[in-house]
């Protein structure tokens, strides 16, 4: 099976080595997903993060893994820089469009990971207000 395999939908030749690279890429990506899932589950069981945060981060990891597989496969099959440029532009646009949501989520994660032992008071900086608000976190 050393000859080229024909990709019927695209008409691109796919050698056995390319096919093996794609399989290795998928196996590594799936293994990384299970490692991250196991790590997040253990952190959630210890009470460091909530179950909702674990689910959300797992979904983000799933999306990143799927994009990684797609970029890898397209890069192996086409050997072109165009897919990477397109993905980079989409990532920048997504970051610009969802900047506030990403910022709120990162603040939420930081609050969950904070250990409030000696000083349970937190300073909150709001736009348009010069002084920070000092408050206590009662529930997350």
N, C-alpha and C. Protein backbone atom coordinates (compact mmCIF):
# COMPACT_ATOMS: atom_id res chain seq x y z
N UNK A 1 0.83 -1.18 0.00
CA UNK A 1 0.00 0.00 0.00
C UNK A 1 0.88 1.24 0.00
N UNK A 2 1.94 1.18 -0.79
CA UNK A 2 2.88 2.28 -0.85
C UNK A 2 2.52 3.26 -1.95
N UNK A 3 1.61 2.90 -2.83
CA UNK A 3 1.22 3.78 -3.91
C UNK A 3 0.29 4.87 -3.42
N UNK A 4 0.01 5.85 -4.29
CA UNK A 4 -0.85 6.95 -3.87
C UNK A 4 -2.31 6.50 -3.73
N UNK A 5 -2.93 6.97 -2.69
CA UNK A 5 -4.36 6.77 -2.52
C UNK A 5 -5.04 8.00 -3.11
N UNK A 6 -6.07 7.80 -3.88
CA UNK A 6 -6.74 8.93 -4.50
C UNK A 6 -7.83 9.45 -3.58
N UNK A 7 -7.77 10.73 -3.32
CA UNK A 7 -8.82 11.38 -2.55
C UNK A 7 -9.93 11.71 -3.54
N UNK A 8 -11.04 11.01 -3.45
CA UNK A 8 -12.09 11.08 -4.46
C UNK A 8 -12.72 12.47 -4.52
N UNK A 9 -12.97 13.08 -3.35
CA UNK A 9 -13.68 14.35 -3.35
C UNK A 9 -12.81 15.50 -3.86
N UNK A 10 -11.53 15.50 -3.57
CA UNK A 10 -10.66 16.60 -3.98
C UNK A 10 -9.78 16.28 -5.18
N UNK A 11 -9.59 15.01 -5.48
CA UNK A 11 -8.72 14.63 -6.57
C UNK A 11 -7.25 14.83 -6.25
N UNK A 12 -6.89 14.92 -4.97
CA UNK A 12 -5.50 15.12 -4.57
C UNK A 12 -4.86 13.79 -4.24
N UNK A 13 -3.63 13.57 -4.70
CA UNK A 13 -2.96 12.32 -4.34
C UNK A 13 -2.55 12.36 -2.87
N UNK A 14 -2.77 11.26 -2.18
CA UNK A 14 -2.44 11.16 -0.77
C UNK A 14 -1.59 9.92 -0.59
N UNK A 15 -0.32 10.11 -0.28
CA UNK A 15 0.58 8.97 -0.15
C UNK A 15 0.33 8.26 1.18
N UNK A 16 0.92 7.09 1.30
CA UNK A 16 0.77 6.31 2.53
C UNK A 16 1.40 7.04 3.71
N UNK A 17 2.51 7.74 3.48
CA UNK A 17 3.15 8.50 4.56
C UNK A 17 2.26 9.65 5.03
N UNK A 18 1.60 10.32 4.08
CA UNK A 18 0.67 11.38 4.46
C UNK A 18 -0.49 10.81 5.26
N UNK A 19 -0.99 9.66 4.83
CA UNK A 19 -2.08 9.00 5.53
C UNK A 19 -1.66 8.65 6.95
N UNK A 20 -0.44 8.15 7.13
CA UNK A 20 0.05 7.80 8.47
C UNK A 20 0.24 9.06 9.33
N UNK A 21 0.70 10.16 8.72
CA UNK A 21 0.83 11.41 9.47
C UNK A 21 -0.52 11.90 9.97
N UNK A 22 -1.54 11.77 9.15
CA UNK A 22 -2.88 12.17 9.56
C UNK A 22 -3.36 11.31 10.72
N UNK A 23 -3.13 10.00 10.64
CA UNK A 23 -3.55 9.10 11.72
C UNK A 23 -2.80 9.44 13.01
N UNK A 24 -1.50 9.69 12.92
CA UNK A 24 -0.72 10.05 14.11
C UNK A 24 -1.22 11.36 14.70
N UNK A 25 -1.53 12.33 13.85
CA UNK A 25 -2.05 13.61 14.31
C UNK A 25 -3.36 13.43 15.07
N UNK A 26 -4.26 12.63 14.53
CA UNK A 26 -5.55 12.40 15.19
C UNK A 26 -5.36 11.68 16.52
N UNK A 27 -4.49 10.68 16.56
CA UNK A 27 -4.25 9.93 17.80
C UNK A 27 -3.66 10.85 18.88
N UNK A 28 -2.69 11.68 18.50
CA UNK A 28 -2.09 12.60 19.47
C UNK A 28 -3.11 13.63 19.96
N UNK A 29 -3.94 14.14 19.05
CA UNK A 29 -4.95 15.12 19.44
C UNK A 29 -5.97 14.52 20.39
N UNK A 30 -6.42 13.30 20.11
CA UNK A 30 -7.39 12.64 21.00
C UNK A 30 -6.75 12.33 22.35
N UNK A 31 -5.48 11.93 22.36
CA UNK A 31 -4.79 11.67 23.63
C UNK A 31 -4.67 12.96 24.44
N UNK A 32 -4.35 14.08 23.80
CA UNK A 32 -4.28 15.36 24.50
C UNK A 32 -5.64 15.74 25.08
N UNK A 33 -6.70 15.48 24.34
CA UNK A 33 -8.04 15.79 24.82
C UNK A 33 -8.35 14.99 26.08
N UNK A 34 -8.03 13.70 26.10
CA UNK A 34 -8.30 12.89 27.27
C UNK A 34 -7.44 13.31 28.46
N UNK A 35 -6.20 13.72 28.21
CA UNK A 35 -5.34 14.19 29.31
C UNK A 35 -5.91 15.48 29.91
N UNK A 36 -6.32 16.44 29.06
CA UNK A 36 -6.91 17.67 29.58
C UNK A 36 -8.21 17.39 30.31
N UNK A 37 -9.03 16.50 29.78
CA UNK A 37 -10.29 16.16 30.43
C UNK A 37 -10.04 15.53 31.80
N UNK A 38 -9.08 14.62 31.88
CA UNK A 38 -8.75 13.99 33.16
C UNK A 38 -8.25 15.03 34.16
N UNK A 39 -7.38 15.93 33.69
CA UNK A 39 -6.84 16.97 34.56
C UNK A 39 -7.95 17.89 35.07
N UNK A 40 -8.83 18.33 34.18
CA UNK A 40 -9.92 19.21 34.60
C UNK A 40 -10.89 18.51 35.54
N UNK A 41 -11.16 17.22 35.30
CA UNK A 41 -12.04 16.47 36.19
C UNK A 41 -11.45 16.37 37.59
N UNK A 42 -10.16 16.10 37.68
CA UNK A 42 -9.52 16.02 39.00
C UNK A 42 -9.50 17.37 39.71
N UNK A 43 -9.27 18.44 38.97
CA UNK A 43 -9.29 19.77 39.58
C UNK A 43 -10.70 20.10 40.07
N UNK A 44 -11.72 19.72 39.30
CA UNK A 44 -13.10 19.98 39.71
C UNK A 44 -13.49 19.13 40.92
N UNK A 45 -13.01 17.89 40.98
CA UNK A 45 -13.31 17.04 42.14
C UNK A 45 -12.71 17.59 43.42
N UNK A 46 -11.57 18.24 43.32
CA UNK A 46 -10.93 18.84 44.50
C UNK A 46 -11.60 20.14 44.92
N UNK A 47 -12.48 20.65 44.10
CA UNK A 47 -13.20 21.87 44.45
C UNK A 47 -12.50 23.15 44.06
N UNK A 48 -11.45 23.05 43.27
CA UNK A 48 -10.73 24.26 42.86
C UNK A 48 -11.55 25.05 41.84
N UNK A 49 -12.17 24.35 40.90
CA UNK A 49 -13.05 24.99 39.93
C UNK A 49 -14.41 24.31 40.00
N UNK A 50 -15.43 24.99 39.51
CA UNK A 50 -16.78 24.42 39.55
C UNK A 50 -16.99 23.47 38.36
N UNK A 51 -18.07 22.71 38.43
CA UNK A 51 -18.39 21.79 37.33
C UNK A 51 -18.73 22.55 36.05
N UNK A 52 -19.39 23.69 36.20
CA UNK A 52 -19.71 24.50 35.02
C UNK A 52 -18.46 25.00 34.31
N UNK A 53 -17.48 25.40 35.10
CA UNK A 53 -16.21 25.84 34.52
C UNK A 53 -15.51 24.67 33.84
N UNK A 54 -15.55 23.50 34.46
CA UNK A 54 -14.93 22.31 33.87
C UNK A 54 -15.58 21.99 32.53
N UNK A 55 -16.90 22.06 32.48
CA UNK A 55 -17.61 21.76 31.23
C UNK A 55 -17.26 22.79 30.16
N UNK A 56 -17.23 24.06 30.54
CA UNK A 56 -16.92 25.11 29.57
C UNK A 56 -15.49 24.99 29.04
N UNK A 57 -14.54 24.75 29.94
CA UNK A 57 -13.14 24.61 29.50
C UNK A 57 -12.98 23.36 28.65
N UNK A 58 -13.69 22.28 28.99
CA UNK A 58 -13.64 21.06 28.17
C UNK A 58 -14.18 21.32 26.77
N UNK A 59 -15.24 22.10 26.67
CA UNK A 59 -15.77 22.43 25.34
C UNK A 59 -14.77 23.27 24.54
N UNK A 60 -14.11 24.21 25.21
CA UNK A 60 -13.11 25.02 24.52
C UNK A 60 -11.95 24.14 24.05
N UNK A 61 -11.52 23.21 24.90
CA UNK A 61 -10.44 22.28 24.52
C UNK A 61 -10.89 21.42 23.34
N UNK A 62 -12.15 20.97 23.33
CA UNK A 62 -12.66 20.18 22.21
C UNK A 62 -12.62 20.97 20.91
N UNK A 63 -13.01 22.24 20.98
CA UNK A 63 -12.98 23.07 19.77
C UNK A 63 -11.55 23.27 19.29
N UNK A 64 -10.64 23.53 20.22
CA UNK A 64 -9.23 23.72 19.84
C UNK A 64 -8.65 22.45 19.23
N UNK A 65 -8.98 21.30 19.80
CA UNK A 65 -8.49 20.02 19.26
C UNK A 65 -9.05 19.78 17.86
N UNK A 66 -10.34 20.06 17.66
CA UNK A 66 -10.94 19.87 16.33
C UNK A 66 -10.28 20.79 15.31
N UNK A 67 -10.04 22.03 15.68
CA UNK A 67 -9.38 22.97 14.77
C UNK A 67 -7.95 22.51 14.49
N UNK A 68 -7.27 22.01 15.52
CA UNK A 68 -5.90 21.51 15.34
C UNK A 68 -5.88 20.35 14.35
N UNK A 69 -6.83 19.43 14.47
CA UNK A 69 -6.89 18.29 13.54
C UNK A 69 -7.17 18.78 12.12
N UNK A 70 -8.14 19.70 11.97
CA UNK A 70 -8.47 20.19 10.63
C UNK A 70 -7.30 20.93 9.99
N UNK A 71 -6.62 21.77 10.76
CA UNK A 71 -5.47 22.50 10.21
C UNK A 71 -4.36 21.53 9.84
N UNK A 72 -4.12 20.54 10.68
CA UNK A 72 -3.08 19.55 10.39
C UNK A 72 -3.38 18.76 9.14
N UNK A 73 -4.62 18.31 9.01
CA UNK A 73 -5.00 17.51 7.83
C UNK A 73 -4.92 18.36 6.57
N UNK A 74 -5.44 19.58 6.63
CA UNK A 74 -5.38 20.45 5.45
C UNK A 74 -3.94 20.79 5.11
N UNK A 75 -3.10 21.02 6.12
CA UNK A 75 -1.69 21.30 5.87
C UNK A 75 -0.96 20.14 5.25
N UNK A 76 -1.29 18.92 5.69
CA UNK A 76 -0.64 17.73 5.12
C UNK A 76 -1.12 17.48 3.70
N UNK A 77 -2.41 17.65 3.46
CA UNK A 77 -2.97 17.34 2.14
C UNK A 77 -2.59 18.41 1.12
N UNK A 78 -2.72 19.69 1.46
CA UNK A 78 -2.49 20.74 0.47
C UNK A 78 -1.07 21.27 0.45
N UNK A 79 -0.36 21.22 1.57
CA UNK A 79 1.00 21.76 1.69
C UNK A 79 1.04 23.22 1.25
N UNK A 80 0.08 23.99 1.74
CA UNK A 80 -0.03 25.40 1.39
C UNK A 80 -0.15 26.22 2.67
N UNK A 81 0.21 27.48 2.59
CA UNK A 81 0.08 28.37 3.74
C UNK A 81 -1.29 29.04 3.83
N UNK A 82 -2.09 28.92 2.79
CA UNK A 82 -3.39 29.60 2.76
C UNK A 82 -4.29 29.16 3.91
N UNK A 83 -4.43 27.87 4.25
CA UNK A 83 -5.30 27.51 5.38
C UNK A 83 -4.85 28.13 6.70
N UNK A 84 -3.54 28.24 6.90
CA UNK A 84 -3.03 28.83 8.13
C UNK A 84 -3.36 30.32 8.21
N UNK A 85 -3.25 31.01 7.09
CA UNK A 85 -3.57 32.43 7.06
C UNK A 85 -5.06 32.64 7.32
N UNK A 86 -5.90 31.81 6.71
CA UNK A 86 -7.34 31.92 6.92
C UNK A 86 -7.70 31.67 8.38
N UNK A 87 -7.13 30.64 8.98
CA UNK A 87 -7.41 30.34 10.38
C UNK A 87 -6.91 31.46 11.28
N UNK A 88 -5.75 32.03 10.98
CA UNK A 88 -5.22 33.13 11.77
C UNK A 88 -6.15 34.34 11.71
N UNK A 89 -6.64 34.67 10.52
CA UNK A 89 -7.55 35.80 10.37
C UNK A 89 -8.85 35.54 11.12
N UNK A 90 -9.39 34.32 11.02
CA UNK A 90 -10.62 33.98 11.74
C UNK A 90 -10.39 34.05 13.25
N UNK A 91 -9.23 33.62 13.72
CA UNK A 91 -8.94 33.68 15.16
C UNK A 91 -8.85 35.12 15.64
N UNK A 92 -8.21 35.98 14.88
CA UNK A 92 -8.11 37.40 15.26
C UNK A 92 -9.49 38.04 15.28
N UNK A 93 -10.31 37.77 14.25
CA UNK A 93 -11.66 38.32 14.22
C UNK A 93 -12.50 37.80 15.38
N UNK A 94 -12.38 36.53 15.69
CA UNK A 94 -13.12 35.96 16.82
C UNK A 94 -12.69 36.59 18.13
N UNK A 95 -11.40 36.80 18.30
CA UNK A 95 -10.92 37.43 19.52
C UNK A 95 -11.44 38.86 19.64
N UNK A 96 -11.47 39.58 18.52
CA UNK A 96 -11.99 40.95 18.56
C UNK A 96 -13.49 40.97 18.84
N UNK A 97 -14.23 40.03 18.25
CA UNK A 97 -15.68 40.00 18.45
C UNK A 97 -16.07 39.55 19.85
N UNK A 98 -15.33 38.59 20.40
CA UNK A 98 -15.68 38.03 21.70
C UNK A 98 -14.72 38.46 22.80
N UNK A 99 -14.12 39.64 22.66
CA UNK A 99 -13.14 40.10 23.64
C UNK A 99 -13.76 40.24 25.03
N UNK A 100 -14.95 40.84 25.11
CA UNK A 100 -15.57 41.04 26.42
C UNK A 100 -15.92 39.72 27.08
N UNK A 101 -16.43 38.76 26.31
CA UNK A 101 -16.76 37.46 26.88
C UNK A 101 -15.52 36.73 27.38
N UNK A 102 -14.44 36.83 26.61
CA UNK A 102 -13.19 36.18 27.02
C UNK A 102 -12.65 36.84 28.27
N UNK A 103 -12.74 38.15 28.35
CA UNK A 103 -12.27 38.87 29.53
C UNK A 103 -13.10 38.53 30.76
N UNK A 104 -14.43 38.46 30.60
CA UNK A 104 -15.29 38.09 31.73
C UNK A 104 -15.01 36.66 32.18
N UNK A 105 -14.82 35.76 31.23
CA UNK A 105 -14.55 34.37 31.59
C UNK A 105 -13.22 34.24 32.31
N UNK A 106 -12.20 34.96 31.84
CA UNK A 106 -10.91 34.88 32.53
C UNK A 106 -10.99 35.48 33.93
N UNK A 107 -11.78 36.53 34.11
CA UNK A 107 -11.97 37.09 35.46
C UNK A 107 -12.70 36.10 36.35
N UNK A 108 -13.69 35.41 35.78
CA UNK A 108 -14.44 34.40 36.54
C UNK A 108 -13.52 33.27 36.99
N UNK A 109 -12.66 32.81 36.10
CA UNK A 109 -11.71 31.75 36.45
C UNK A 109 -10.73 32.24 37.52
N UNK A 110 -10.25 33.48 37.37
CA UNK A 110 -9.32 34.02 38.38
C UNK A 110 -9.97 34.12 39.75
N UNK A 111 -11.23 34.53 39.80
CA UNK A 111 -11.92 34.61 41.08
C UNK A 111 -12.06 33.22 41.69
N UNK A 112 -12.36 32.23 40.87
CA UNK A 112 -12.50 30.87 41.39
C UNK A 112 -11.19 30.33 41.92
N UNK A 113 -10.08 30.67 41.29
CA UNK A 113 -8.80 30.14 41.69
C UNK A 113 -8.15 30.91 42.83
N UNK A 114 -8.71 32.09 43.18
CA UNK A 114 -8.15 32.87 44.27
C UNK A 114 -8.43 32.19 45.61
N UNK A 115 -7.46 32.23 46.46
CA UNK A 115 -7.64 31.74 47.83
C UNK A 115 -7.80 32.95 48.74
N UNK A 116 -9.00 33.15 49.24
CA UNK A 116 -9.28 34.29 50.10
C UNK A 116 -9.20 33.85 51.55
N UNK A 117 -8.00 33.83 52.10
CA UNK A 117 -7.83 33.35 53.47
C UNK A 117 -7.75 34.51 54.45
N UNK A 118 -6.77 35.37 54.31
CA UNK A 118 -6.57 36.43 55.29
C UNK A 118 -7.46 37.63 55.02
N UNK A 119 -7.56 38.00 53.76
CA UNK A 119 -8.32 39.20 53.42
C UNK A 119 -9.43 38.81 52.45
N UNK A 120 -10.66 38.66 52.94
CA UNK A 120 -11.75 38.23 52.06
C UNK A 120 -12.30 39.36 51.20
N UNK A 121 -11.68 40.52 51.21
CA UNK A 121 -12.17 41.65 50.43
C UNK A 121 -11.48 41.69 49.08
N UNK A 122 -12.24 42.07 48.07
CA UNK A 122 -11.73 42.12 46.70
C UNK A 122 -11.98 43.51 46.14
N UNK A 123 -11.02 44.02 45.39
CA UNK A 123 -11.19 45.31 44.73
C UNK A 123 -11.68 45.07 43.31
N UNK A 124 -12.75 45.77 42.93
CA UNK A 124 -13.34 45.63 41.60
C UNK A 124 -13.19 46.97 40.89
N UNK A 125 -12.57 46.94 39.72
CA UNK A 125 -12.39 48.14 38.91
C UNK A 125 -13.44 48.15 37.81
N UNK A 126 -14.27 49.20 37.78
CA UNK A 126 -15.31 49.34 36.78
C UNK A 126 -14.95 50.48 35.84
N UNK A 127 -15.31 50.36 34.56
CA UNK A 127 -15.00 51.44 33.62
C UNK A 127 -15.78 52.71 33.98
N UNK A 128 -15.11 53.83 33.90
CA UNK A 128 -15.75 55.11 34.18
C UNK A 128 -15.70 55.52 35.64
N UNK A 129 -15.24 54.65 36.52
CA UNK A 129 -15.14 54.97 37.95
C UNK A 129 -13.66 54.98 38.31
N UNK A 130 -13.23 56.09 38.93
CA UNK A 130 -11.81 56.25 39.23
C UNK A 130 -11.33 55.36 40.36
N UNK A 131 -12.14 55.24 41.42
CA UNK A 131 -11.73 54.44 42.58
C UNK A 131 -12.27 53.02 42.45
N UNK A 132 -11.53 52.04 42.92
CA UNK A 132 -12.05 50.67 42.90
C UNK A 132 -13.10 50.47 43.98
N UNK A 133 -14.05 49.60 43.70
CA UNK A 133 -15.05 49.21 44.69
C UNK A 133 -14.48 48.07 45.51
N UNK A 134 -14.64 48.14 46.81
CA UNK A 134 -14.17 47.08 47.69
C UNK A 134 -15.38 46.28 48.14
N UNK A 135 -15.34 44.98 47.92
CA UNK A 135 -16.50 44.15 48.24
C UNK A 135 -16.04 42.75 48.63
N UNK A 136 -16.99 41.97 49.12
CA UNK A 136 -16.73 40.59 49.47
C UNK A 136 -17.42 39.68 48.46
N UNK A 137 -16.80 38.57 48.17
CA UNK A 137 -17.40 37.59 47.29
C UNK A 137 -18.15 36.59 48.16
N UNK A 138 -19.46 36.55 48.00
CA UNK A 138 -20.27 35.65 48.80
C UNK A 138 -20.51 34.32 48.11
N UNK A 139 -20.71 34.37 46.79
CA UNK A 139 -21.00 33.15 46.06
C UNK A 139 -20.52 33.30 44.63
N UNK A 140 -20.05 32.20 44.07
CA UNK A 140 -19.59 32.21 42.68
C UNK A 140 -20.52 31.32 41.89
